[in-house]
PDB file of N, CA and C in Angstrom:
ATOM      1  N   MET A   1     105.054 -51.635  66.590  1.00  0.00           N
ATOM      2  CA  MET A   1     103.717 -51.550  65.681  1.00  0.00           C
ATOM      3  C   MET A   1     103.141 -50.479  65.328  1.00  0.00           C
ATOM      4  N   SER A   2     102.556 -49.552  64.337  1.00  0.00           N
ATOM      5  CA  SER A   2     101.896 -48.265  64.210  1.00  0.00           C
ATOM      6  C   SER A   2     100.160 -48.705  63.899  1.00  0.00           C
ATOM      7  N   SER A   3      99.539 -48.112  64.694  1.00  0.00           N
ATOM      8  CA  SER A   3      98.134 -48.396  64.228  1.00  0.00           C
ATOM      9  C   SER A   3      97.712 -47.440  63.425  1.00  0.00           C
ATOM     10  N   TYR A   4      96.849 -47.783  62.526  1.00  0.00           N
ATOM     11  CA  TYR A   4      96.549 -46.968  61.669  1.00  0.00           C
ATOM     12  C   TYR A   4      94.711 -46.402  61.712  1.00  0.00           C
ATOM     13  N   THR A   5      94.419 -45.471  61.929  1.00  0.00           N
ATOM     14  CA  THR A   5      93.231 -44.843  62.141  1.00  0.00           C
ATOM     15  C   THR A   5      92.664 -44.029  61.131  1.00  0.00           C
ATOM     16  N   PRO A   6      91.569 -44.070  60.528  1.00  0.00           N
ATOM     17  CA  PRO A   6      91.082 -43.493  59.090  1.00  0.00           C
ATOM     18  C   PRO A   6      91.264 -42.093  59.649  1.00  0.00           C
ATOM     19  N   THR A   7      91.167 -41.306  58.499  1.00  0.00           N
ATOM     20  CA  THR A   7      90.578 -39.947  58.570  1.00  0.00           C
ATOM     21  C   THR A   7      89.073 -39.329  58.421  1.00  0.00           C
ATOM     22  N   THR A   8      88.836 -39.870  57.862  1.00  0.00           N
ATOM     23  CA  THR A   8      87.224 -39.747  57.441  1.00  0.00           C
ATOM     24  C   THR A   8      86.196 -41.011  58.229  1.00  0.00           C
ATOM     25  N   ARG A   9      85.144 -40.920  58.083  1.00  0.00           N
ATOM     26  CA  ARG A   9      84.309 -41.980  58.533  1.00  0.00           C
ATOM     27  C   ARG A   9      82.878 -41.791  58.247  1.00  0.00           C
ATOM     28  N   MET A  10      82.069 -43.339  57.850  1.00  0.00           N
ATOM     29  CA  MET A  10      81.035 -42.760  57.182  1.00  0.00           C
ATOM     30  C   MET A  10      79.992 -42.934  58.416  1.00  0.00           C
ATOM     31  N   VAL A  11      79.300 -41.961  58.589  1.00  0.00           N
ATOM     32  CA  VAL A  11      78.211 -42.372  59.582  1.00  0.00           C
ATOM     33  C   VAL A  11      76.887 -42.299  59.232  1.00  0.00           C
ATOM     34  N   ARG A  12      76.056 -42.801  60.091  1.00  0.00           N
ATOM     35  CA  ARG A  12      74.689 -43.300  59.652  1.00  0.00           C
ATOM     36  C   ARG A  12      74.058 -42.079  60.078  1.00  0.00           C
ATOM     37  N   PRO A  13      72.771 -41.855  59.225  1.00  0.00           N
ATOM     38  CA  PRO A  13      72.428 -40.589  59.974  1.00  0.00           C
ATOM     39  C   PRO A  13      71.478 -40.891  61.173  1.00  0.00           C
ATOM     40  N   THR A  14      71.281 -39.922  62.339  1.00  0.00           N
ATOM     41  CA  THR A  14      70.795 -39.975  63.437  1.00  0.00           C
ATOM     42  C   THR A  14      69.453 -39.563  63.240  1.00  0.00           C
ATOM     43  N   VAL A  15      68.936 -38.919  62.910  1.00  0.00           N
ATOM     44  CA  VAL A  15      67.937 -38.233  62.645  1.00  0.00           C
ATOM     45  C   VAL A  15      67.064 -39.269  61.492  1.00  0.00           C
ATOM     46  N   ARG A  16      65.802 -39.549  62.466  1.00  0.00           N
ATOM     47  CA  ARG A  16      64.990 -40.172  61.754  1.00  0.00           C
ATOM     48  C   ARG A  16      63.900 -39.380  60.680  1.00  0.00           C
ATOM     49  N   VAL A  17      63.815 -39.685  59.673  1.00  0.00           N
ATOM     50  CA  VAL A  17      63.003 -39.102  58.543  1.00  0.00           C
ATOM     51  C   VAL A  17      61.466 -39.404  59.104  1.00  0.00           C
ATOM     52  N   GLU A  18      60.811 -38.261  59.308  1.00  0.00           N
ATOM     53  CA  GLU A  18      59.138 -38.915  59.420  1.00  0.00           C
ATOM     54  C   GLU A  18      58.439 -37.832  59.118  1.00  0.00           C
ATOM     55  N   ASN A  19      58.947 -37.043  58.315  1.00  0.00           N
ATOM     56  CA  ASN A  19      58.275 -36.022  57.202  1.00  0.00           C
ATOM     57  C   ASN A  19      57.859 -37.160  55.776  1.00  0.00           C
ATOM     58  N   GLN A  20      57.588 -37.940  55.642  1.00  0.00           N
ATOM     59  CA  GLN A  20      57.260 -38.890  54.630  1.00  0.00           C
ATOM     60  C   GLN A  20      55.708 -38.362  53.870  1.00  0.00           C
ATOM     61  N   VAL A  21      55.501 -38.379  52.955  1.00  0.00           N
ATOM     62  CA  VAL A  21      54.304 -37.799  52.555  1.00  0.00           C
ATOM     63  C   VAL A  21      53.805 -39.102  52.017  1.00  0.00           C
ATOM     64  N   LYS A  22      52.184 -39.476  52.900  1.00  0.00           N
ATOM     65  CA  LYS A  22      52.016 -40.500  52.516  1.00  0.00           C
ATOM     66  C   LYS A  22      50.360 -40.761  52.103  1.00  0.00           C
ATOM     67  N   LEU A  23      50.076 -40.908  51.051  1.00  0.00           N
ATOM     68  CA  LEU A  23      49.068 -41.077  50.683  1.00  0.00           C
ATOM     69  C   LEU A  23      47.895 -41.883  51.216  1.00  0.00           C
ATOM     70  N   SER A  24      46.871 -41.057  51.408  1.00  0.00           N
ATOM     71  CA  SER A  24      45.379 -42.165  52.330  1.00  0.00           C
ATOM     72  C   SER A  24      44.983 -42.901  51.131  1.00  0.00           C
ATOM     73  N   THR A  25      44.186 -43.589  51.756  1.00  0.00           N
ATOM     74  CA  THR A  25      43.584 -44.880  50.814  1.00  0.00           C
ATOM     75  C   THR A  25      42.789 -44.355  49.291  1.00  0.00           C
ATOM     76  N   ALA A  26      42.405 -43.353  49.767  1.00  0.00           N
ATOM     77  CA  ALA A  26      41.444 -42.019  48.522  1.00  0.00           C
ATOM     78  C   ALA A  26      42.476 -41.923  47.571  1.00  0.00           C
ATOM     79  N   GLY A  27      43.185 -41.297  48.260  1.00  0.00           N
ATOM     80  CA  GLY A  27      44.740 -41.023  47.288  1.00  0.00           C
ATOM     81  C   GLY A  27      45.282 -41.967  46.234  1.00  0.00           C
ATOM     82  N   ARG A  28      45.167 -43.109  46.593  1.00  0.00           N
ATOM     83  CA  ARG A  28      46.206 -44.185  46.200  1.00  0.00           C
ATOM     84  C   ARG A  28      45.475 -44.729  45.116  1.00  0.00           C
ATOM     85  N   ARG A  29      43.599 -44.855  45.384  1.00  0.00           N
ATOM     86  CA  ARG A  29      43.044 -45.213  44.627  1.00  0.00           C
ATOM     87  C   ARG A  29      42.695 -44.190  43.316  1.00  0.00           C
ATOM     88  N   PHE A  30      42.873 -42.902  43.489  1.00  0.00           N
ATOM     89  CA  PHE A  30      42.910 -42.133  42.532  1.00  0.00           C
ATOM     90  C   PHE A  30      44.417 -42.073  41.295  1.00  0.00           C
ATOM     91  N   VAL A  31      45.243 -42.169  42.063  1.00  0.00           N
ATOM     92  CA  VAL A  31      46.496 -42.394  41.094  1.00  0.00           C
ATOM     93  C   VAL A  31      46.282 -43.549  40.240  1.00  0.00           C
ATOM     94  N   ARG A  32      46.036 -44.942  40.973  1.00  0.00           N
ATOM     95  CA  ARG A  32      45.957 -46.155  40.315  1.00  0.00           C
ATOM     96  C   ARG A  32      44.830 -45.835  39.154  1.00  0.00           C
ATOM     97  N   SER A  33      43.708 -45.123  39.642  1.00  0.00           N
ATOM     98  CA  SER A  33      42.694 -45.265  38.296  1.00  0.00           C
ATOM     99  C   SER A  33      43.035 -44.493  37.444  1.00  0.00           C
ATOM    100  N   ALA A  34      43.931 -43.315  37.793  1.00  0.00           N
ATOM    101  CA  ALA A  34      44.482 -42.298  36.797  1.00  0.00           C
ATOM    102  C   ALA A  34      45.734 -42.742  35.656  1.00  0.00           C
ATOM    103  N   ILE A  35      46.534 -43.670  36.284  1.00  0.00           N
ATOM    104  CA  ILE A  35      47.002 -44.655  35.633  1.00  0.00           C
ATOM    105  C   ILE A  35      46.490 -45.693  34.579  1.00  0.00           C
ATOM    106  N   ILE A  36      45.604 -46.497  35.364  1.00  0.00           N
ATOM    107  CA  ILE A  36      44.685 -47.211  34.554  1.00  0.00           C
ATOM    108  C   ILE A  36      44.040 -46.738  33.441  1.00  0.00           C
ATOM    109  N   LEU A  37      43.657 -45.413  33.374  1.00  0.00           N
ATOM    110  CA  LEU A  37      43.135 -44.735  32.140  1.00  0.00           C
ATOM    111  C   LEU A  37      43.724 -44.176  31.390  1.00  0.00           C
ATOM    112  N   ALA A  38      45.297 -43.787  31.797  1.00  0.00           N
ATOM    113  CA  ALA A  38      45.818 -43.286  30.562  1.00  0.00           C
ATOM    114  C   ALA A  38      46.708 -44.488  29.720  1.00  0.00           C
ATOM    115  N   VAL A  39      46.864 -45.533  30.509  1.00  0.00           N
ATOM    116  CA  VAL A  39      47.194 -46.524  29.624  1.00  0.00           C
ATOM    117  C   VAL A  39      45.804 -47.505  28.712  1.00  0.00           C
ATOM    118  N   ALA A  40      45.029 -47.389  29.011  1.00  0.00           N
ATOM    119  CA  ALA A  40      43.514 -47.404  28.334  1.00  0.00           C
ATOM    120  C   ALA A  40      43.297 -46.098  27.135  1.00  0.00           C
ATOM    121  N   THR A  41      43.725 -45.104  27.507  1.00  0.00           N
ATOM    122  CA  THR A  41      43.493 -43.989  26.307  1.00  0.00           C
ATOM    123  C   THR A  41      44.794 -44.431  25.250  1.00  0.00           C
ATOM    124  N   ALA A  42      46.045 -44.582  25.892  1.00  0.00           N
ATOM    125  CA  ALA A  42      46.692 -44.792  24.619  1.00  0.00           C
ATOM    126  C   ALA A  42      46.672 -45.691  24.087  1.00  0.00           C
ATOM    127  N   GLY A  43      46.429 -47.244  24.734  1.00  0.00           N
ATOM    128  CA  GLY A  43      45.948 -48.337  24.037  1.00  0.00           C
ATOM    129  C   GLY A  43      44.592 -48.179  23.152  1.00  0.00           C
ATOM    130  N   PHE A  44      43.870 -47.313  23.125  1.00  0.00           N
ATOM    131  CA  PHE A  44      42.298 -47.234  22.632  1.00  0.00           C
ATOM    132  C   PHE A  44      43.182 -46.213  20.987  1.00  0.00           C
ATOM    133  N   ILE A  45      44.027 -45.333  21.417  1.00  0.00           N
ATOM    134  CA  ILE A  45      44.324 -44.238  20.384  1.00  0.00           C
ATOM    135  C   ILE A  45      45.980 -45.404  19.428  1.00  0.00           C
ATOM    136  N   ALA A  46      46.065 -46.281  20.096  1.00  0.00           N
ATOM    137  CA  ALA A  46      46.861 -47.039  18.912  1.00  0.00           C
ATOM    138  C   ALA A  46      46.314 -47.940  18.170  1.00  0.00           C
ATOM    139  N   THR A  47      45.054 -48.637  19.013  1.00  0.00           N
ATOM    140  CA  THR A  47      44.378 -49.381  18.028  1.00  0.00           C
ATOM    141  C   THR A  47      43.477 -48.555  17.010  1.00  0.00           C
ATOM    142  N   ALA A  48      42.944 -46.954  17.348  1.00  0.00           N
ATOM    143  CA  ALA A  48      42.179 -46.394  16.313  1.00  0.00           C
ATOM    144  C   ALA A  48      43.318 -46.254  15.073  1.00  0.00           C
ATOM    145  N   ASN A  49      44.557 -45.802  15.506  1.00  0.00           N
ATOM    146  CA  ASN A  49      45.309 -45.399  14.444  1.00  0.00           C
ATOM    147  C   ASN A  49      46.149 -46.710  13.897  1.00  0.00           C
ATOM    148  N   GLY A  50      45.658 -47.874  13.912  1.00  0.00           N
ATOM    149  CA  GLY A  50      46.340 -48.616  13.116  1.00  0.00           C
ATOM    150  C   GLY A  50      47.891 -49.228  13.864  1.00  0.00           C
ATOM    151  N   PHE A  51      47.843 -48.956  14.676  1.00  0.00           N
ATOM    152  CA  PHE A  51      49.510 -48.963  15.380  1.00  0.00           C
ATOM    153  C   PHE A  51      49.748 -50.301  15.337  1.00  0.00           C
ATOM    154  N   GLY A  52      50.938 -50.776  14.559  1.00  0.00           N
ATOM    155  CA  GLY A  52      51.515 -52.216  14.298  1.00  0.00           C
ATOM    156  C   GLY A  52      50.587 -52.891  13.375  1.00  0.00           C
ATOM    157  N   ALA A  53      49.868 -52.369  12.840  1.00  0.00           N
ATOM    158  CA  ALA A  53      49.251 -52.942  11.732  1.00  0.00           C
ATOM    159  C   ALA A  53      49.668 -52.241  10.180  1.00  0.00           C
ATOM    160  N   SER A  54      50.028 -53.578   9.534  1.00  0.00           N
ATOM    161  CA  SER A  54      50.409 -52.847   7.918  1.00  0.00           C
ATOM    162  C   SER A  54      49.360 -52.216   7.187  1.00  0.00           C
ATOM    163  N   ASN A  55      49.647 -51.123   7.145  1.00  0.00           N
ATOM    164  CA  ASN A  55      48.736 -50.538   5.966  1.00  0.00           C
ATOM    165  C   ASN A  55      49.144 -50.073   4.520  1.00  0.00           C
ATOM    166  N   ALA A  56      49.875 -51.264   4.232  1.00  0.00           N
ATOM    167  CA  ALA A  56      50.413 -51.358   2.902  1.00  0.00           C
ATOM    168  C   ALA A  56      49.499 -52.324   2.130  1.00  0.00           C
ATOM    169  N   ASN A  57      48.729 -51.619   1.029  1.00  0.00           N
ATOM    170  CA  ASN A  57      48.520 -52.683  -0.015  1.00  0.00           C
ATOM    171  C   ASN A  57      48.881 -53.479  -0.764  1.00  0.00           C
ATOM    172  N   ALA A  58      49.483 -54.692  -0.430  1.00  0.00           N
ATOM    173  CA  ALA A  58      50.200 -55.910  -1.444  1.00  0.00           C
ATOM    174  C   ALA A  58      49.357 -57.025  -1.964  1.00  0.00           C
ATOM    175  N   ASN A  59      49.695 -56.842  -3.466  1.00  0.00           N
ATOM    176  CA  ASN A  59      49.092 -57.716  -3.973  1.00  0.00           C
ATOM    177  C   ASN A  59      49.393 -59.028  -3.684  1.00  0.00           C
ATOM    178  N   SER A  60      48.542 -59.908  -4.194  1.00  0.00           N
ATOM    179  CA  SER A  60      48.888 -61.425  -3.804  1.00  0.00           C
ATOM    180  C   SER A  60      50.051 -62.065  -4.618  1.00  0.00           C
ATOM    181  N   SER A  61      50.447 -61.638  -5.969  1.00  0.00           N
ATOM    182  CA  SER A  61      51.647 -61.823  -6.339  1.00  0.00           C
ATOM    183  C   SER A  61      52.782 -60.952  -6.201  1.00  0.00           C
ATOM    184  N   ALA A  62      54.325 -61.384  -6.064  1.00  0.00           N
ATOM    185  CA  ALA A  62      55.085 -60.830  -5.847  1.00  0.00           C
ATOM    186  C   ALA A  62      55.761 -60.094  -7.022  1.00  0.00           C
ATOM    187  N   ALA A  63      56.553 -58.784  -6.521  1.00  0.00           N
ATOM    188  CA  ALA A  63      57.130 -58.232  -7.762  1.00  0.00           C
ATOM    189  C   ALA A  63      58.075 -58.521  -8.080  1.00  0.00           C
ATOM    190  N   GLN A  64      58.686 -58.992  -9.501  1.00  0.00           N
ATOM    191  CA  GLN A  64      60.087 -59.502  -9.838  1.00  0.00           C
ATOM    192  C   GLN A  64      60.571 -58.363 -10.032  1.00  0.00           C
ATOM    193  N   VAL A  65      61.995 -58.451  -9.635  1.00  0.00           N
ATOM    194  CA  VAL A  65      63.117 -57.356  -9.512  1.00  0.00           C
ATOM    195  C   VAL A  65      64.210 -58.471  -9.970  1.00  0.00           C
ATOM    196  N   THR A  66      64.752 -57.855 -10.827  1.00  0.00           N
ATOM    197  CA  THR A  66      66.034 -58.298 -11.341  1.00  0.00           C
ATOM    198  C   THR A  66      67.039 -56.984 -11.763  1.00  0.00           C
ATOM    199  N   PHE A  67      68.325 -57.846 -11.174  1.00  0.00           N
ATOM    200  CA  PHE A  67      69.510 -56.443 -11.290  1.00  0.00           C
ATOM    201  C   PHE A  67      70.395 -57.418 -12.526  1.00  0.00           C
ATOM    202  N   GLN A  68      71.188 -56.525 -12.560  1.00  0.00           N
ATOM    203  CA  GLN A  68      72.453 -56.987 -13.539  1.00  0.00           C
ATOM    204  C   GLN A  68      73.337 -57.220 -12.726  1.00  0.00           C
ATOM    205  N   TYR A  69      74.399 -58.165 -12.436  1.00  0.00           N
ATOM    206  CA  TYR A  69      75.333 -58.302 -11.908  1.00  0.00           C
ATOM    207  C   TYR A  69      76.666 -58.560 -12.240  1.00  0.00           C
ATOM    208  N   VAL A  70      78.007 -57.799 -11.963  1.00  0.00           N
ATOM    209  CA  VAL A  70      79.227 -57.483 -12.410  1.00  0.00           C
ATOM    210  C   VAL A  70      79.901 -58.228 -11.709  1.00  0.00           C
ATOM    211  N   THR A  71      81.072 -58.953 -11.902  1.00  0.00           N
ATOM    212  CA  THR A  71      82.115 -59.048 -10.939  1.00  0.00           C
ATOM    213  C   THR A  71      83.737 -58.453 -11.063  1.00  0.00           C
ATOM    214  N   VAL A  72      83.735 -57.753  -9.823  1.00  0.00           N
ATOM    215  CA  VAL A  72      85.099 -57.001  -9.809  1.00  0.00           C
ATOM    216  C   VAL A  72      86.076 -57.467 -10.191  1.00  0.00           C
ATOM    217  N   SER A  73      86.821 -57.039 -11.042  1.00  0.00           N
ATOM    218  CA  SER A  73      88.237 -57.373 -11.396  1.00  0.00           C
ATOM    219  C   SER A  73      89.374 -56.869 -11.184  1.00  0.00           C
ATOM    220  N   ALA A  74      90.290 -57.244 -10.808  1.00  0.00           N
ATOM    221  CA  ALA A  74      91.668 -56.634 -10.106  1.00  0.00           C
ATOM    222  C   ALA A  74      91.915 -55.622 -10.496  1.00  0.00           C
ATOM    223  N   GLY A  75      92.053 -54.582  -9.910  1.00  0.00           N
ATOM    224  CA  GLY A  75      92.336 -53.253 -10.040  1.00  0.00           C
ATOM    225  C   GLY A  75      91.425 -52.439 -10.241  1.00  0.00           C
ATOM    226  N   GLN A  76      90.118 -52.468  -9.828  1.00  0.00           N
ATOM    227  CA  GLN A  76      88.910 -52.260 -10.511  1.00  0.00           C
ATOM    228  C   GLN A  76      88.242 -51.369  -9.501  1.00  0.00           C
ATOM    229  N   ASP A  77      87.676 -50.137  -9.650  1.00  0.00           N
ATOM    230  CA  ASP A  77      86.938 -49.537  -8.302  1.00  0.00           C
ATOM    231  C   ASP A  77      85.562 -49.140  -8.778  1.00  0.00           C
ATOM    232  N   LEU A  78      84.938 -48.642  -7.907  1.00  0.00           N
ATOM    233  CA  LEU A  78      83.567 -48.091  -8.260  1.00  0.00           C
ATOM    234  C   LEU A  78      83.950 -46.961  -8.950  1.00  0.00           C
ATOM    235  N   TRP A  79      84.458 -45.831  -8.953  1.00  0.00           N
ATOM    236  CA  TRP A  79      84.802 -44.877 -10.048  1.00  0.00           C
ATOM    237  C   TRP A  79      84.816 -45.393 -11.200  1.00  0.00           C
ATOM    238  N   SER A  80      85.998 -45.877 -11.496  1.00  0.00           N
ATOM    239  CA  SER A  80      86.159 -46.897 -12.942  1.00  0.00           C
ATOM    240  C   SER A  80      84.962 -47.433 -13.453  1.00  0.00           C
ATOM    241  N   MET A  81      84.068 -48.394 -12.718  1.00  0.00           N
ATOM    242  CA  MET A  81      82.755 -48.746 -13.127  1.00  0.00           C
ATOM    243  C   MET A  81      81.922 -48.152 -13.552  1.00  0.00           C
ATOM    244  N   ALA A  82      81.685 -46.877 -12.810  1.00  0.00           N
ATOM    245  CA  ALA A  82      80.782 -45.728 -12.910  1.00  0.00           C
ATOM    246  C   ALA A  82      81.166 -45.377 -14.433  1.00  0.00           C
ATOM    247  N   GLU A  83      82.598 -44.758 -14.776  1.00  0.00           N
ATOM    248  CA  GLU A  83      82.680 -44.449 -15.856  1.00  0.00           C
ATOM    249  C   GLU A  83      82.239 -44.867 -17.044  1.00  0.00           C
ATOM    250  N   GLU A  84      82.734 -46.238 -16.948  1.00  0.00           N
ATOM    251  CA  GLU A  84      82.461 -47.529 -17.859  1.00  0.00           C
ATOM    252  C   GLU A  84      81.227 -47.889 -17.986  1.00  0.00           C
ATOM    253  N   LEU A  85      80.118 -48.246 -16.829  1.00  0.00           N
ATOM    254  CA  LEU A  85      79.231 -48.627 -17.249  1.00  0.00           C
ATOM    255  C   LEU A  85      77.965 -47.668 -17.323  1.00  0.00           C
ATOM    256  N   ALA A  86      78.035 -46.243 -16.498  1.00  0.00           N
ATOM    257  CA  ALA A  86      77.227 -45.319 -16.626  1.00  0.00           C
ATOM    258  C   ALA A  86      77.677 -44.096 -16.983  1.00  0.00           C
ATOM    259  N   PRO A  87      78.294 -43.544 -18.404  1.00  0.00           N
ATOM    260  CA  PRO A  87      79.147 -42.789 -18.786  1.00  0.00           C
ATOM    261  C   PRO A  87      77.768 -41.544 -18.571  1.00  0.00           C
ATOM    262  N   ASN A  88      76.753 -41.468 -18.687  1.00  0.00           N
ATOM    263  CA  ASN A  88      75.960 -40.566 -19.062  1.00  0.00           C
ATOM    264  C   ASN A  88      75.251 -40.023 -17.629  1.00  0.00           C
ATOM    265  N   ARG A  89      75.622 -40.788 -16.372  1.00  0.00           N
ATOM    266  CA  ARG A  89      75.334 -40.517 -15.361  1.00  0.00           C
ATOM    267  C   ARG A  89      76.327 -39.710 -14.207  1.00  0.00           C
ATOM    268  N   ASP A  90      76.250 -38.700 -13.657  1.00  0.00           N
ATOM    269  CA  ASP A  90      77.114 -38.285 -12.325  1.00  0.00           C
ATOM    270  C   ASP A  90      77.838 -39.473 -11.972  1.00  0.00           C
ATOM    271  N   PRO A  91      79.435 -39.776 -11.537  1.00  0.00           N
ATOM    272  CA  PRO A  91      79.556 -41.315 -11.090  1.00  0.00           C
ATOM    273  C   PRO A  91      79.497 -41.146  -9.776  1.00  0.00           C
ATOM    274  N   ARG A  92      79.365 -40.211  -9.037  1.00  0.00           N
ATOM    275  CA  ARG A  92      79.109 -39.913  -7.632  1.00  0.00           C
ATOM    276  C   ARG A  92      77.656 -40.327  -6.891  1.00  0.00           C
ATOM    277  N   ASP A  93      76.601 -40.068  -7.835  1.00  0.00           N
ATOM    278  CA  ASP A  93      75.456 -40.684  -7.951  1.00  0.00           C
ATOM    279  C   ASP A  93      75.141 -42.140  -8.051  1.00  0.00           C
ATOM    280  N   TRP A  94      75.745 -42.349  -8.966  1.00  0.00           N
ATOM    281  CA  TRP A  94      75.626 -43.846  -9.334  1.00  0.00           C
ATOM    282  C   TRP A  94      76.492 -44.839  -7.765  1.00  0.00           C
ATOM    283  N   ILE A  95      77.725 -44.137  -7.769  1.00  0.00           N
ATOM    284  CA  ILE A  95      78.211 -44.906  -6.599  1.00  0.00           C
ATOM    285  C   ILE A  95      77.484 -44.855  -5.520  1.00  0.00           C
ATOM    286  N   VAL A  96      76.810 -43.972  -5.075  1.00  0.00           N
ATOM    287  CA  VAL A  96      76.102 -43.955  -4.019  1.00  0.00           C
ATOM    288  C   VAL A  96      74.695 -44.998  -4.149  1.00  0.00           C
ATOM    289  N   ASP A  97      74.262 -45.357  -5.352  1.00  0.00           N
ATOM    290  CA  ASP A  97      73.197 -46.299  -5.744  1.00  0.00           C
ATOM    291  C   ASP A  97      73.812 -47.603  -5.578  1.00  0.00           C
ATOM    292  N   VAL A  98      75.108 -47.951  -5.933  1.00  0.00           N
ATOM    293  CA  VAL A  98      75.454 -49.478  -5.841  1.00  0.00           C
ATOM    294  C   VAL A  98      75.871 -49.507  -4.417  1.00  0.00           C
ATOM    295  N   VAL A  99      76.442 -48.790  -3.501  1.00  0.00           N
ATOM    296  CA  VAL A  99      76.670 -49.106  -2.018  1.00  0.00           C
ATOM    297  C   VAL A  99      75.049 -49.035  -1.515  1.00  0.00           C
ATOM    298  N   ASN A 100      74.192 -48.431  -1.727  1.00  0.00           N
ATOM    299  CA  ASN A 100      73.163 -48.481  -1.060  1.00  0.00           C
ATOM    300  C   ASN A 100      72.190 -50.034  -1.226  1.00  0.00           C
ATOM    301  N   LEU A 101      72.510 -50.092  -3.154  1.00  0.00           N
ATOM    302  CA  LEU A 101      71.789 -51.366  -3.440  1.00  0.00           C
ATOM    303  C   LEU A 101      72.723 -52.665  -2.776  1.00  0.00           C
ATOM    304  N   ASN A 102      73.721 -52.547  -2.522  1.00  0.00           N
ATOM    305  CA  ASN A 102      74.211 -53.619  -2.064  1.00  0.00           C
ATOM    306  C   ASN A 102      74.582 -54.205  -0.915  1.00  0.00           C
ATOM    307  N   GLY A 103      74.298 -53.327  -0.260  1.00  0.00           N
ATOM    308  CA  GLY A 103      74.407 -52.984   1.343  1.00  0.00           C
ATOM    309  C   GLY A 103      75.762 -52.807   1.636  1.00  0.00           C
ATOM    310  N   LEU A 104      76.991 -51.976   1.099  1.00  0.00           N
ATOM    311  CA  LEU A 104      78.072 -52.013   1.449  1.00  0.00           C
ATOM    312  C   LEU A 104      78.252 -51.060   2.586  1.00  0.00           C
ATOM    313  N   GLY A 105      79.346 -51.033   3.174  1.00  0.00           N
ATOM    314  CA  GLY A 105      79.972 -50.064   4.476  1.00  0.00           C
ATOM    315  C   GLY A 105      80.528 -48.817   3.879  1.00  0.00           C
ATOM    316  N   THR A 106      81.277 -49.046   2.954  1.00  0.00           N
ATOM    317  CA  THR A 106      82.205 -48.251   2.349  1.00  0.00           C
ATOM    318  C   THR A 106      82.260 -48.354   0.499  1.00  0.00           C
ATOM    319  N   THR A 107      82.941 -47.964  -0.120  1.00  0.00           N
ATOM    320  CA  THR A 107      83.276 -47.626  -1.430  1.00  0.00           C
ATOM    321  C   THR A 107      84.266 -48.705  -1.921  1.00  0.00           C
ATOM    322  N   GLU A 108      84.814 -49.132  -1.459  1.00  0.00           N
ATOM    323  CA  GLU A 108      85.662 -50.257  -1.391  1.00  0.00           C
ATOM    324  C   GLU A 108      85.333 -51.513  -2.099  1.00  0.00           C
ATOM    325  N   VAL A 109      85.654 -52.148  -3.097  1.00  0.00           N
ATOM    326  CA  VAL A 109      85.298 -53.677  -3.400  1.00  0.00           C
ATOM    327  C   VAL A 109      86.098 -54.300  -3.695  1.00  0.00           C
ATOM    328  N   LEU A 110      86.515 -55.478  -3.266  1.00  0.00           N
ATOM    329  CA  LEU A 110      87.540 -56.499  -3.670  1.00  0.00           C
ATOM    330  C   LEU A 110      87.374 -57.082  -5.233  1.00  0.00           C
ATOM    331  N   PRO A 111      88.506 -57.429  -5.857  1.00  0.00           N
ATOM    332  CA  PRO A 111      88.492 -58.385  -7.041  1.00  0.00           C
ATOM    333  C   PRO A 111      87.506 -59.779  -6.379  1.00  0.00           C
ATOM    334  N   GLY A 112      86.821 -60.358  -7.427  1.00  0.00           N
ATOM    335  CA  GLY A 112      85.982 -61.118  -7.345  1.00  0.00           C
ATOM    336  C   GLY A 112      84.882 -61.566  -6.408  1.00  0.00           C
ATOM    337  N   GLN A 113      84.599 -60.013  -6.340  1.00  0.00           N
ATOM    338  CA  GLN A 113      83.339 -59.486  -5.482  1.00  0.00           C
ATOM    339  C   GLN A 113      81.927 -59.473  -6.572  1.00  0.00           C
ATOM    340  N   LYS A 114      80.788 -59.799  -6.260  1.00  0.00           N
ATOM    341  CA  LYS A 114      80.053 -59.780  -7.410  1.00  0.00           C
ATOM    342  C   LYS A 114      79.026 -58.709  -6.539  1.00  0.00           C
ATOM    343  N   ILE A 115      78.918 -57.711  -7.574  1.00  0.00           N
ATOM    344  CA  ILE A 115      77.728 -56.514  -7.000  1.00  0.00           C
ATOM    345  C   ILE A 115      76.517 -56.281  -8.306  1.00  0.00           C
ATOM    346  N   ALA A 116      75.558 -56.004  -7.512  1.00  0.00           N
ATOM    347  CA  ALA A 116      73.990 -55.870  -8.389  1.00  0.00           C
ATOM    348  C   ALA A 116      74.476 -54.033  -8.375  1.00  0.00           C
ATOM    349  N   LEU A 117      74.224 -54.150 -10.231  1.00  0.00           N
ATOM    350  CA  LEU A 117      74.295 -52.649 -10.713  1.00  0.00           C
ATOM    351  C   LEU A 117      72.927 -52.126 -10.742  1.00  0.00           C
ATOM    352  N   PRO A 118      72.619 -50.641 -10.503  1.00  0.00           N
ATOM    353  CA  PRO A 118      71.416 -50.138 -10.412  1.00  0.00           C
ATOM    354  C   PRO A 118      70.767 -49.974 -11.596  1.00  0.00           C
ATOM    355  N   ASN A 119      69.363 -49.731 -11.749  1.00  0.00           N
ATOM    356  CA  ASN A 119      68.964 -49.309 -13.267  1.00  0.00           C
ATOM    357  C   ASN A 119      69.036 -48.354 -13.451  1.00  0.00           C
TER     358      ASN A 119
END
């Protein structure tokens, strides 16, 4: 039977680390005060700038937005729809508007899919 002896060995350091920098009580108090001051200043600036508050002026009545919807037929794609429904616009711009308006990930549409058209 053969005995296995590892070629490398992990050894713990034998020298004790004694040159650690330790803050005095006054030094710790200074660092703690500096951190508190920095957090308080950031909070004051955020509050003064209205961080997290809505600066939008909204009326009490909701805006009515209506769209025209079209159901995609078999064999139809956005390019042919752009040529048919928006002949005076660049089809690329119209397709980008449709993709953004409907939250589509691609320009592919499926038959029976209902999409909103841009105005």
